[in-house]
Amino acid sequence: MIKSRCGAAEWSLFMYKPMRFWGTSAGAILPSPFCRCRSCENARKVGGKEVRLRSAFRIDRKTMIDIGQDYAAQAARLADEWFDVENFIITHTHSDHFNPLLLWVRWDAALVGPKKPITIYLTEDAYRTLDEFLYTTPALIDKNAEYMSEKSVIFKKLAFHETADIGGHRVTPLRGVHNTVFEKNSANYMIDLADGRRMYYALDSGYYSDETFEYLKGKHLDILIGECTFPGEYGMNFCPVHMNVTTTIATFDRLWENKTIDENTDIYLTHIGDNGMTHKELQAYFAELDRPYHVKIAYDGLSVDEAYEEA
């Protein structure tokens, strides 16, 4: 049996907190119900931080990044809700990052609940995927008029390297080395937060392109959130559209050389898959890494603004 993240006495610890990881797994949750690899078996046995739902991140009360298949379970697990959420920033349309069925749930909820519509921000190519879904899914065809009437959901398109104001934050999408059927590139986001900090959120990034490294050069990051889909030392050429431990370190080294990160940058790894190191092993690996920067391993429910626990 998987151990619960928290007992009743600890439930209050997981009430709403800003800058919070709602989920930290890659495309398959940990443990995957179809997998018996050592990391999945470990998650079943140990529970706690080893158990991961799919990646999502809440910036503040009003704004979230990505909304995948686990959003309802995440809300229940973290004792959180979305009554105040107004903005969803989407990296790309793979189902672990964006579940369009949210639109159906949100439309129904608008009949009896919140009246203010939510706004979904995504790139032009990502919108093509959404458009295909809305107009080819039989259950949704009759509801398109309601969706597109802006009563419950508004869609806004973002352009790469162009900055938009979203919920008081300045958001600039950069190209990730990751693609879908309609998207040549995922969107990784440089976000100048309302509180003055600068964050780069790069999930499904692959090893950064020269274009992205050059754009980030000299732009100091206070917070860097990156992926480690394959949590092992698999080399630079293992999978160009996702990161492993080797490419993650190579990326951070280059960002350090470019003065994008320094010893004061809070660096987090998320989007962590199976068939590799466990959470505890990743912590130990990066704790022993001989680098001037410090890498933290995110887990479901972790708040960026809390003291990080090494346990």
C-alpha atoms as a PDB file:
ATOM      1  CA  MET A   1       0.000   0.000   0.000  1.00  0.00           C
ATOM      2  CA  ILE A   2       1.259   3.510  -0.811  1.00  0.00           C
ATOM      3  CA  LYS A   3       1.762   5.539   2.325  1.00  0.00           C
ATOM      4  CA  SER A   4      -0.228   8.755   2.589  1.00  0.00           C
ATOM      5  CA  ARG A   5       1.684  12.025   2.268  1.00  0.00           C
ATOM      6  CA  CYS A   6       0.197  13.264   5.495  1.00  0.00           C
ATOM      7  CA  GLY A   7      -2.013  12.214   8.350  1.00  0.00           C
ATOM      8  CA  ALA A   8      -4.973  14.197   9.667  1.00  0.00           C
ATOM      9  CA  ALA A   9      -2.777  16.052  12.159  1.00  0.00           C
ATOM     10  CA  GLU A  10      -0.508  17.243   9.344  1.00  0.00           C
ATOM     11  CA  TRP A  11      -3.272  18.217   6.915  1.00  0.00           C
ATOM     12  CA  SER A  12      -2.981  21.930   7.716  1.00  0.00           C
ATOM     13  CA  LEU A  13       0.586  21.895   6.379  1.00  0.00           C
ATOM     14  CA  PHE A  14      -0.795  21.465   2.900  1.00  0.00           C
ATOM     15  CA  MET A  15      -3.248  24.342   2.845  1.00  0.00           C
ATOM     16  CA  TYR A  16      -2.723  26.913   0.091  1.00  0.00           C
ATOM     17  CA  LYS A  17       0.803  28.288  -0.169  1.00  0.00           C
ATOM     18  CA  PRO A  18       2.185  30.475  -2.978  1.00  0.00           C
ATOM     19  CA  MET A  19       4.871  29.366  -5.463  1.00  0.00           C
ATOM     20  CA  ARG A  20       4.048  25.717  -5.044  1.00  0.00           C
ATOM     21  CA  PHE A  21       4.709  22.514  -6.970  1.00  0.00           C
ATOM     22  CA  TRP A  22       1.348  20.851  -7.513  1.00  0.00           C
ATOM     23  CA  GLY A  23       2.967  17.907  -9.258  1.00  0.00           C
ATOM     24  CA  THR A  24       6.522  16.859 -10.111  1.00  0.00           C
ATOM     25  CA  SER A  25       6.393  13.705 -12.243  1.00  0.00           C
ATOM     26  CA  ALA A  26       7.035  13.285 -15.938  1.00  0.00           C
ATOM     27  CA  GLY A  27       4.404  11.850 -18.303  1.00  0.00           C
ATOM     28  CA  ALA A  28       3.736   8.805 -16.121  1.00  0.00           C
ATOM     29  CA  ILE A  29       3.006   9.216 -12.439  1.00  0.00           C
ATOM     30  CA  LEU A  30       5.270   7.654  -9.824  1.00  0.00           C
ATOM     31  CA  PRO A  31       4.597   4.871  -9.185  1.00  0.00           C
ATOM     32  CA  SER A  32       3.173   4.019 -12.583  1.00  0.00           C
ATOM     33  CA  PRO A  33       0.479   1.314 -12.270  1.00  0.00           C
ATOM     34  CA  PHE A  34       2.002  -0.495 -15.253  1.00  0.00           C
ATOM     35  CA  CYS A  35       5.626  -0.439 -14.108  1.00  0.00           C
ATOM     36  CA  ARG A  36       7.752  -2.527 -11.750  1.00  0.00           C
ATOM     37  CA  CYS A  37      11.038  -0.687 -12.179  1.00  0.00           C
ATOM     38  CA  ARG A  38      13.010  -0.071  -8.983  1.00  0.00           C
ATOM     39  CA  SER A  39      11.913   3.572  -8.693  1.00  0.00           C
ATOM     40  CA  CYS A  40       8.223   2.687  -9.004  1.00  0.00           C
ATOM     41  CA  GLU A  41       8.575  -0.194  -6.554  1.00  0.00           C
ATOM     42  CA  ASN A  42      10.424   2.135  -4.182  1.00  0.00           C
ATOM     43  CA  ALA A  43       7.628   4.723  -4.420  1.00  0.00           C
ATOM     44  CA  ARG A  44       5.047   2.049  -3.571  1.00  0.00           C
ATOM     45  CA  LYS A  45       7.039   0.972  -0.553  1.00  0.00           C
ATOM     46  CA  VAL A  46       8.280   4.323   0.785  1.00  0.00           C
ATOM     47  CA  GLY A  47       5.520   6.721  -0.263  1.00  0.00           C
ATOM     48  CA  GLY A  48       5.926  10.357   0.779  1.00  0.00           C
ATOM     49  CA  LYS A  49       8.127  12.436  -1.521  1.00  0.00           C
ATOM     50  CA  GLU A  50       8.767   9.429  -3.764  1.00  0.00           C
ATOM     51  CA  VAL A  51       5.133   9.550  -4.968  1.00  0.00           C
ATOM     52  CA  ARG A  52       4.635  12.049  -7.778  1.00  0.00           C
ATOM     53  CA  LEU A  53       1.666  13.274  -9.806  1.00  0.00           C
ATOM     54  CA  ARG A  54       2.164  15.007 -13.141  1.00  0.00           C
ATOM     55  CA  SER A  55       3.912  18.348 -13.224  1.00  0.00           C
ATOM     56  CA  ALA A  56       2.072  21.590 -12.516  1.00  0.00           C
ATOM     57  CA  PHE A  57       3.066  24.759 -10.675  1.00  0.00           C
ATOM     58  CA  ARG A  58       1.034  27.432  -8.919  1.00  0.00           C
ATOM     59  CA  ILE A  59       2.654  30.854  -8.982  1.00  0.00           C
ATOM     60  CA  ASP A  60       0.093  32.546  -6.753  1.00  0.00           C
ATOM     61  CA  ARG A  61      -3.625  32.615  -6.022  1.00  0.00           C
ATOM     62  CA  LYS A  62      -4.516  33.721  -9.535  1.00  0.00           C
ATOM     63  CA  THR A  63      -1.979  32.060 -11.829  1.00  0.00           C
ATOM     64  CA  MET A  64      -0.873  28.490 -12.577  1.00  0.00           C
ATOM     65  CA  ILE A  65       1.479  26.893 -15.087  1.00  0.00           C
ATOM     66  CA  ASP A  66       0.072  23.794 -16.818  1.00  0.00           C
ATOM     67  CA  ILE A  67      -2.967  21.763 -15.918  1.00  0.00           C
ATOM     68  CA  GLY A  68      -2.651  18.071 -16.712  1.00  0.00           C
ATOM     69  CA  GLN A  69      -4.600  14.900 -16.108  1.00  0.00           C
ATOM     70  CA  ASP A  70      -4.102  14.883 -12.339  1.00  0.00           C
ATOM     71  CA  TYR A  71      -5.522  18.309 -11.479  1.00  0.00           C
ATOM     72  CA  ALA A  72      -8.475  17.013  -9.465  1.00  0.00           C
ATOM     73  CA  ALA A  73      -6.347  14.548  -7.483  1.00  0.00           C
ATOM     74  CA  GLN A  74      -3.749  17.265  -6.873  1.00  0.00           C
ATOM     75  CA  ALA A  75      -6.357  19.679  -5.533  1.00  0.00           C
ATOM     76  CA  ALA A  76      -7.672  17.020  -3.157  1.00  0.00           C
ATOM     77  CA  ARG A  77      -4.207  15.857  -2.110  1.00  0.00           C
ATOM     78  CA  LEU A  78      -3.048  19.386  -1.303  1.00  0.00           C
ATOM     79  CA  ALA A  79      -6.350  20.507   0.231  1.00  0.00           C
ATOM     80  CA  ASP A  80      -6.408  23.348  -2.291  1.00  0.00           C
ATOM     81  CA  GLU A  81      -8.925  24.790  -4.748  1.00  0.00           C
ATOM     82  CA  TRP A  82      -9.166  27.052  -7.782  1.00  0.00           C
ATOM     83  CA  PHE A  83     -11.933  29.486  -6.963  1.00  0.00           C
ATOM     84  CA  ASP A  84      -9.495  32.381  -7.322  1.00  0.00           C
ATOM     85  CA  VAL A  85      -7.490  31.070 -10.296  1.00  0.00           C
ATOM     86  CA  GLU A  86      -7.857  33.338 -13.316  1.00  0.00           C
ATOM     87  CA  ASN A  87      -4.871  32.394 -15.490  1.00  0.00           C
ATOM     88  CA  PHE A  88      -3.451  29.127 -16.796  1.00  0.00           C
ATOM     89  CA  ILE A  89      -0.140  29.387 -18.670  1.00  0.00           C
ATOM     90  CA  ILE A  90       0.385  26.300 -20.850  1.00  0.00           C
ATOM     91  CA  THR A  91       3.835  25.037 -21.857  1.00  0.00           C
ATOM     92  CA  HIS A  92       2.516  22.680 -24.562  1.00  0.00           C
ATOM     93  CA  THR A  93      -0.394  20.373 -25.235  1.00  0.00           C
ATOM     94  CA  HIS A  94       0.903  16.941 -24.292  1.00  0.00           C
ATOM     95  CA  SER A  95      -1.746  15.553 -21.966  1.00  0.00           C
ATOM     96  CA  ASP A  96       0.468  15.505 -18.870  1.00  0.00           C
ATOM     97  CA  HIS A  97       0.702  19.307 -19.186  1.00  0.00           C
ATOM     98  CA  PHE A  98      -2.695  20.277 -20.555  1.00  0.00           C
ATOM     99  CA  ASN A  99      -5.937  18.343 -20.245  1.00  0.00           C
ATOM    100  CA  PRO A 100      -8.593  20.017 -22.437  1.00  0.00           C
ATOM    101  CA  LEU A 101     -11.367  18.221 -20.546  1.00  0.00           C
ATOM    102  CA  LEU A 102     -10.777  20.871 -17.897  1.00  0.00           C
ATOM    103  CA  LEU A 103     -12.824  23.100 -20.206  1.00  0.00           C
ATOM    104  CA  TRP A 104     -15.871  20.881 -19.798  1.00  0.00           C
ATOM    105  CA  VAL A 105     -15.511  20.830 -16.014  1.00  0.00           C
ATOM    106  CA  ARG A 106     -15.001  24.591 -15.893  1.00  0.00           C
ATOM    107  CA  TRP A 107     -18.052  25.259 -18.092  1.00  0.00           C
ATOM    108  CA  ASP A 108     -20.273  23.131 -15.844  1.00  0.00           C
ATOM    109  CA  ALA A 109     -18.879  24.804 -12.731  1.00  0.00           C
ATOM    110  CA  ALA A 110     -19.652  28.238 -14.160  1.00  0.00           C
ATOM    111  CA  LEU A 111     -23.355  27.366 -14.155  1.00  0.00           C
ATOM    112  CA  VAL A 112     -23.483  27.206 -10.363  1.00  0.00           C
ATOM    113  CA  GLY A 113     -20.144  28.525  -9.136  1.00  0.00           C
ATOM    114  CA  PRO A 114     -17.589  31.128 -10.187  1.00  0.00           C
ATOM    115  CA  LYS A 115     -18.847  33.590 -12.771  1.00  0.00           C
ATOM    116  CA  LYS A 116     -15.531  35.139 -13.754  1.00  0.00           C
ATOM    117  CA  PRO A 117     -13.984  33.317 -16.735  1.00  0.00           C
ATOM    118  CA  ILE A 118     -10.527  31.789 -16.662  1.00  0.00           C
ATOM    119  CA  THR A 119      -7.956  32.731 -19.294  1.00  0.00           C
ATOM    120  CA  ILE A 120      -5.760  30.103 -20.909  1.00  0.00           C
ATOM    121  CA  TYR A 121      -2.501  31.359 -22.417  1.00  0.00           C
ATOM    122  CA  LEU A 122      -0.738  29.262 -25.045  1.00  0.00           C
ATOM    123  CA  THR A 123       1.279  29.638 -28.234  1.00  0.00           C
ATOM    124  CA  GLU A 124      -0.214  29.816 -31.717  1.00  0.00           C
ATOM    125  CA  ASP A 125       0.849  26.242 -32.497  1.00  0.00           C
ATOM    126  CA  ALA A 126      -0.506  24.983 -29.184  1.00  0.00           C
ATOM    127  CA  TYR A 127      -3.820  26.655 -29.935  1.00  0.00           C
ATOM    128  CA  ARG A 128      -4.063  24.636 -33.153  1.00  0.00           C
ATOM    129  CA  THR A 129      -4.004  21.468 -31.062  1.00  0.00           C
ATOM    130  CA  LEU A 130      -6.716  22.824 -28.795  1.00  0.00           C
ATOM    131  CA  ASP A 131      -8.791  23.920 -31.779  1.00  0.00           C
ATOM    132  CA  GLU A 132      -8.546  20.412 -33.231  1.00  0.00           C
ATOM    133  CA  PHE A 133      -9.725  18.948 -29.925  1.00  0.00           C
ATOM    134  CA  LEU A 134     -12.691  21.304 -29.521  1.00  0.00           C
ATOM    135  CA  TYR A 135     -14.050  20.723 -32.984  1.00  0.00           C
ATOM    136  CA  THR A 136     -13.492  16.984 -33.331  1.00  0.00           C
ATOM    137  CA  THR A 137     -14.565  15.715 -29.899  1.00  0.00           C
ATOM    138  CA  PRO A 138     -18.278  14.752 -30.133  1.00  0.00           C
ATOM    139  CA  ALA A 139     -19.025  15.482 -26.475  1.00  0.00           C
ATOM    140  CA  LEU A 140     -17.783  19.052 -26.894  1.00  0.00           C
ATOM    141  CA  ILE A 141     -19.099  20.051 -30.301  1.00  0.00           C
ATOM    142  CA  ASP A 142     -22.474  21.208 -28.968  1.00  0.00           C
ATOM    143  CA  LYS A 143     -20.779  23.239 -26.251  1.00  0.00           C
ATOM    144  CA  ASN A 144     -18.337  25.179 -28.439  1.00  0.00           C
ATOM    145  CA  ALA A 145     -20.598  28.208 -28.561  1.00  0.00           C
ATOM    146  CA  GLU A 146     -20.552  28.400 -24.766  1.00  0.00           C
ATOM    147  CA  TYR A 147     -16.790  27.889 -24.577  1.00  0.00           C
ATOM    148  CA  MET A 148     -16.043  30.485 -27.199  1.00  0.00           C
ATOM    149  CA  SER A 149     -18.586  32.966 -25.833  1.00  0.00           C
ATOM    150  CA  GLU A 150     -16.054  33.849 -23.100  1.00  0.00           C
ATOM    151  CA  LYS A 151     -18.549  33.031 -20.349  1.00  0.00           C
ATOM    152  CA  SER A 152     -16.242  30.520 -18.760  1.00  0.00           C
ATOM    153  CA  VAL A 153     -12.984  30.279 -20.747  1.00  0.00           C
ATOM    154  CA  ILE A 154     -10.971  32.838 -22.721  1.00  0.00           C
ATOM    155  CA  PHE A 155      -8.053  31.820 -24.941  1.00  0.00           C
ATOM    156  CA  LYS A 156      -5.126  34.161 -25.520  1.00  0.00           C
ATOM    157  CA  LYS A 157      -2.230  33.398 -27.845  1.00  0.00           C
ATOM    158  CA  LEU A 158       1.378  34.101 -26.925  1.00  0.00           C
ATOM    159  CA  ALA A 159       4.263  34.727 -29.326  1.00  0.00           C
ATOM    160  CA  PHE A 160       7.798  33.531 -28.641  1.00  0.00           C
ATOM    161  CA  HIS A 161      10.095  36.275 -27.321  1.00  0.00           C
ATOM    162  CA  GLU A 162       7.186  38.672 -26.860  1.00  0.00           C
ATOM    163  CA  THR A 163       6.298  39.655 -23.299  1.00  0.00           C
ATOM    164  CA  ALA A 164       2.733  39.610 -21.962  1.00  0.00           C
ATOM    165  CA  ASP A 165       1.333  40.815 -18.651  1.00  0.00           C
ATOM    166  CA  ILE A 166      -0.401  37.902 -16.928  1.00  0.00           C
ATOM    167  CA  GLY A 167      -1.763  38.348 -13.436  1.00  0.00           C
ATOM    168  CA  GLY A 168       0.696  41.141 -12.699  1.00  0.00           C
ATOM    169  CA  HIS A 169       3.687  39.069 -13.895  1.00  0.00           C
ATOM    170  CA  ARG A 170       5.703  39.781 -17.067  1.00  0.00           C
ATOM    171  CA  VAL A 171       5.778  36.511 -19.010  1.00  0.00           C
ATOM    172  CA  THR A 172       8.042  35.814 -22.009  1.00  0.00           C
ATOM    173  CA  PRO A 173       7.848  32.442 -23.812  1.00  0.00           C
ATOM    174  CA  LEU A 174      11.091  30.977 -25.164  1.00  0.00           C
ATOM    175  CA  ARG A 175      11.386  27.963 -27.451  1.00  0.00           C
ATOM    176  CA  GLY A 176      11.977  24.601 -25.840  1.00  0.00           C
ATOM    177  CA  VAL A 177      13.563  21.723 -27.759  1.00  0.00           C
ATOM    178  CA  HIS A 178      10.391  19.653 -27.558  1.00  0.00           C
ATOM    179  CA  ASN A 179       7.532  19.127 -29.988  1.00  0.00           C
ATOM    180  CA  THR A 180       3.986  17.794 -30.367  1.00  0.00           C
ATOM    181  CA  VAL A 181       1.869  17.001 -33.452  1.00  0.00           C
ATOM    182  CA  PHE A 182       1.187  20.680 -34.152  1.00  0.00           C
ATOM    183  CA  GLU A 183       3.883  22.363 -32.058  1.00  0.00           C
ATOM    184  CA  LYS A 184       7.441  22.653 -33.339  1.00  0.00           C
ATOM    185  CA  ASN A 185       8.521  23.888 -29.925  1.00  0.00           C
ATOM    186  CA  SER A 186       7.220  23.775 -26.387  1.00  0.00           C
ATOM    187  CA  ALA A 187       7.077  27.076 -24.517  1.00  0.00           C
ATOM    188  CA  ASN A 188       9.456  27.645 -21.622  1.00  0.00           C
ATOM    189  CA  TYR A 189       8.723  30.802 -19.681  1.00  0.00           C
ATOM    190  CA  MET A 190      10.895  33.580 -18.328  1.00  0.00           C
ATOM    191  CA  ILE A 191       8.705  35.290 -15.745  1.00  0.00           C
ATOM    192  CA  ASP A 192       9.437  38.602 -14.099  1.00  0.00           C
ATOM    193  CA  LEU A 193       7.324  38.072 -11.011  1.00  0.00           C
ATOM    194  CA  ALA A 194       5.221  40.794  -9.455  1.00  0.00           C
ATOM    195  CA  ASP A 195       7.426  40.670  -6.338  1.00  0.00           C
ATOM    196  CA  GLY A 196      10.539  41.600  -8.355  1.00  0.00           C
ATOM    197  CA  ARG A 197      12.115  38.150  -8.673  1.00  0.00           C
ATOM    198  CA  ARG A 198      12.887  36.566 -12.045  1.00  0.00           C
ATOM    199  CA  MET A 199      12.032  32.926 -12.682  1.00  0.00           C
ATOM    200  CA  TYR A 200      12.631  30.613 -15.626  1.00  0.00           C
ATOM    201  CA  TYR A 201      10.234  27.684 -15.877  1.00  0.00           C
ATOM    202  CA  ALA A 202      11.586  25.159 -18.390  1.00  0.00           C
ATOM    203  CA  LEU A 203       9.761  21.847 -18.502  1.00  0.00           C
ATOM    204  CA  ASP A 204       9.952  19.603 -21.534  1.00  0.00           C
ATOM    205  CA  SER A 205      12.831  21.800 -22.576  1.00  0.00           C
ATOM    206  CA  GLY A 206      15.442  19.376 -23.843  1.00  0.00           C
ATOM    207  CA  TYR A 207      18.999  20.674 -23.737  1.00  0.00           C
ATOM    208  CA  TYR A 208      18.517  24.387 -24.399  1.00  0.00           C
ATOM    209  CA  SER A 209      18.995  25.722 -27.912  1.00  0.00           C
ATOM    210  CA  ASP A 210      21.736  28.241 -28.666  1.00  0.00           C
ATOM    211  CA  GLU A 211      18.947  30.778 -29.203  1.00  0.00           C
ATOM    212  CA  THR A 212      17.683  30.260 -25.652  1.00  0.00           C
ATOM    213  CA  PHE A 213      21.132  30.312 -24.057  1.00  0.00           C
ATOM    214  CA  GLU A 214      21.872  33.559 -25.871  1.00  0.00           C
ATOM    215  CA  TYR A 215      18.571  35.136 -24.826  1.00  0.00           C
ATOM    216  CA  LEU A 216      19.184  34.245 -21.182  1.00  0.00           C
ATOM    217  CA  LYS A 217      22.826  35.341 -21.214  1.00  0.00           C
ATOM    218  CA  GLY A 218      23.447  37.937 -18.523  1.00  0.00           C
ATOM    219  CA  LYS A 219      19.815  37.861 -17.345  1.00  0.00           C
ATOM    220  CA  HIS A 220      20.158  36.807 -13.719  1.00  0.00           C
ATOM    221  CA  LEU A 221      17.599  34.287 -12.501  1.00  0.00           C
ATOM    222  CA  ASP A 222      16.416  34.206  -8.901  1.00  0.00           C
ATOM    223  CA  ILE A 223      14.547  30.945  -9.486  1.00  0.00           C
ATOM    224  CA  LEU A 224      15.236  28.252 -12.090  1.00  0.00           C
ATOM    225  CA  ILE A 225      12.870  25.309 -12.463  1.00  0.00           C
ATOM    226  CA  GLY A 226      14.098  22.614 -14.821  1.00  0.00           C
ATOM    227  CA  GLU A 227      13.258  19.090 -15.815  1.00  0.00           C
ATOM    228  CA  CYS A 228      14.944  15.734 -15.216  1.00  0.00           C
ATOM    229  CA  THR A 229      12.646  13.386 -17.095  1.00  0.00           C
ATOM    230  CA  PHE A 230      15.258  10.626 -17.113  1.00  0.00           C
ATOM    231  CA  PRO A 231      16.862  10.645 -13.635  1.00  0.00           C
ATOM    232  CA  GLY A 232      20.144   8.984 -14.522  1.00  0.00           C
ATOM    233  CA  GLU A 233      23.497   9.669 -16.216  1.00  0.00           C
ATOM    234  CA  TYR A 234      22.477   8.809 -19.761  1.00  0.00           C
ATOM    235  CA  GLY A 235      24.759  11.145 -21.722  1.00  0.00           C
ATOM    236  CA  MET A 236      24.235  14.173 -23.948  1.00  0.00           C
ATOM    237  CA  ASN A 237      22.606  12.332 -26.862  1.00  0.00           C
ATOM    238  CA  PHE A 238      20.185  10.026 -25.041  1.00  0.00           C
ATOM    239  CA  CYS A 239      16.952  11.927 -25.774  1.00  0.00           C
ATOM    240  CA  PRO A 240      17.112  15.389 -27.402  1.00  0.00           C
ATOM    241  CA  VAL A 241      13.601  16.434 -26.336  1.00  0.00           C
ATOM    242  CA  HIS A 242      14.032  15.734 -22.620  1.00  0.00           C
ATOM    243  CA  MET A 243      16.692  16.132 -19.943  1.00  0.00           C
ATOM    244  CA  ASN A 244      18.606  13.544 -17.982  1.00  0.00           C
ATOM    245  CA  VAL A 245      21.128  14.113 -15.187  1.00  0.00           C
ATOM    246  CA  THR A 246      23.986  14.598 -17.660  1.00  0.00           C
ATOM    247  CA  THR A 247      22.237  17.213 -19.797  1.00  0.00           C
ATOM    248  CA  THR A 248      20.803  18.927 -16.733  1.00  0.00           C
ATOM    249  CA  ILE A 249      24.276  19.512 -15.301  1.00  0.00           C
ATOM    250  CA  ALA A 250      25.611  20.602 -18.696  1.00  0.00           C
ATOM    251  CA  THR A 251      22.758  23.121 -18.940  1.00  0.00           C
ATOM    252  CA  PHE A 252      23.381  24.542 -15.475  1.00  0.00           C
ATOM    253  CA  ASP A 253      27.136  24.759 -16.146  1.00  0.00           C
ATOM    254  CA  ARG A 254      26.524  26.812 -19.279  1.00  0.00           C
ATOM    255  CA  LEU A 255      23.992  29.046 -17.519  1.00  0.00           C
ATOM    256  CA  TRP A 256      26.600  29.645 -14.804  1.00  0.00           C
ATOM    257  CA  GLU A 257      29.219  30.575 -17.406  1.00  0.00           C
ATOM    258  CA  ASN A 258      26.708  32.952 -19.017  1.00  0.00           C
ATOM    259  CA  LYS A 259      26.009  34.606 -15.630  1.00  0.00           C
ATOM    260  CA  THR A 260      22.365  33.559 -15.825  1.00  0.00           C
ATOM    261  CA  ILE A 261      22.591  31.704 -12.518  1.00  0.00           C
ATOM    262  CA  ASP A 262      24.855  32.143  -9.503  1.00  0.00           C
ATOM    263  CA  GLU A 263      25.191  30.834  -5.960  1.00  0.00           C
ATOM    264  CA  ASN A 264      22.063  32.752  -4.953  1.00  0.00           C
ATOM    265  CA  THR A 265      19.789  31.217  -7.610  1.00  0.00           C
ATOM    266  CA  ASP A 266      17.223  28.766  -6.247  1.00  0.00           C
ATOM    267  CA  ILE A 267      17.383  25.806  -8.642  1.00  0.00           C
ATOM    268  CA  TYR A 268      14.745  23.084  -8.612  1.00  0.00           C
ATOM    269  CA  LEU A 269      14.407  19.864 -10.606  1.00  0.00           C
ATOM    270  CA  THR A 270      10.933  18.583 -11.393  1.00  0.00           C
ATOM    271  CA  HIS A 271       9.224  16.529 -14.163  1.00  0.00           C
ATOM    272  CA  ILE A 272      11.058  13.485 -12.790  1.00  0.00           C
ATOM    273  CA  GLY A 273      10.366  10.123 -14.366  1.00  0.00           C
ATOM    274  CA  ASP A 274      10.810   6.486 -13.425  1.00  0.00           C
ATOM    275  CA  ASN A 275      13.519   3.961 -14.385  1.00  0.00           C
ATOM    276  CA  GLY A 276      16.243   5.935 -12.639  1.00  0.00           C
ATOM    277  CA  MET A 277      17.284   7.454  -9.340  1.00  0.00           C
ATOM    278  CA  THR A 278      14.754   7.823  -6.561  1.00  0.00           C
ATOM    279  CA  HIS A 279      14.003  11.167  -4.906  1.00  0.00           C
ATOM    280  CA  LYS A 280      16.381  10.338  -2.052  1.00  0.00           C
ATOM    281  CA  GLU A 281      19.108   9.237  -4.463  1.00  0.00           C
ATOM    282  CA  LEU A 282      18.759  12.395  -6.575  1.00  0.00           C
ATOM    283  CA  GLN A 283      19.049  14.504  -3.421  1.00  0.00           C
ATOM    284  CA  ALA A 284      22.238  12.714  -2.428  1.00  0.00           C
ATOM    285  CA  TYR A 285      23.686  12.897  -5.941  1.00  0.00           C
ATOM    286  CA  PHE A 286      23.251  16.656  -6.294  1.00  0.00           C
ATOM    287  CA  ALA A 287      24.294  17.299  -2.687  1.00  0.00           C
ATOM    288  CA  GLU A 288      27.647  15.685  -3.495  1.00  0.00           C
ATOM    289  CA  LEU A 289      27.999  17.365  -6.895  1.00  0.00           C
ATOM    290  CA  ASP A 290      31.120  19.530  -7.080  1.00  0.00           C
ATOM    291  CA  ARG A 291      29.528  22.676  -8.510  1.00  0.00           C
ATOM    292  CA  PRO A 292      29.199  26.265  -7.240  1.00  0.00           C
ATOM    293  CA  TYR A 293      25.411  26.147  -7.557  1.00  0.00           C
ATOM    294  CA  HIS A 294      22.996  24.118  -5.435  1.00  0.00           C
ATOM    295  CA  VAL A 295      20.221  21.974  -6.940  1.00  0.00           C
ATOM    296  CA  LYS A 296      17.089  21.094  -4.982  1.00  0.00           C
ATOM    297  CA  ILE A 297      14.850  18.166  -5.892  1.00  0.00           C
ATOM    298  CA  ALA A 298      11.216  19.246  -5.917  1.00  0.00           C
ATOM    299  CA  TYR A 299       8.391  17.091  -4.610  1.00  0.00           C
ATOM    300  CA  ASP A 300       4.609  17.384  -4.727  1.00  0.00           C
ATOM    301  CA  GLY A 301       3.436  20.108  -2.367  1.00  0.00           C
ATOM    302  CA  LEU A 302       6.812  21.850  -1.973  1.00  0.00           C
ATOM    303  CA  SER A 303       6.574  25.628  -1.666  1.00  0.00           C
ATOM    304  CA  VAL A 304       9.472  27.608  -3.147  1.00  0.00           C
ATOM    305  CA  ASP A 305       9.149  30.143  -0.343  1.00  0.00           C
ATOM    306  CA  GLU A 306       9.546  27.578   2.443  1.00  0.00           C
ATOM    307  CA  ALA A 307      12.780  26.271   3.931  1.00  0.00           C
ATOM    308  CA  TYR A 308      13.785  23.201   1.953  1.00  0.00           C
ATOM    309  CA  GLU A 309      13.884  19.936   3.884  1.00  0.00           C
ATOM    310  CA  GLU A 310      16.692  17.550   3.053  1.00  0.00           C
ATOM    311  CA  ALA A 311      14.991  14.608   4.748  1.00  0.00           C
END
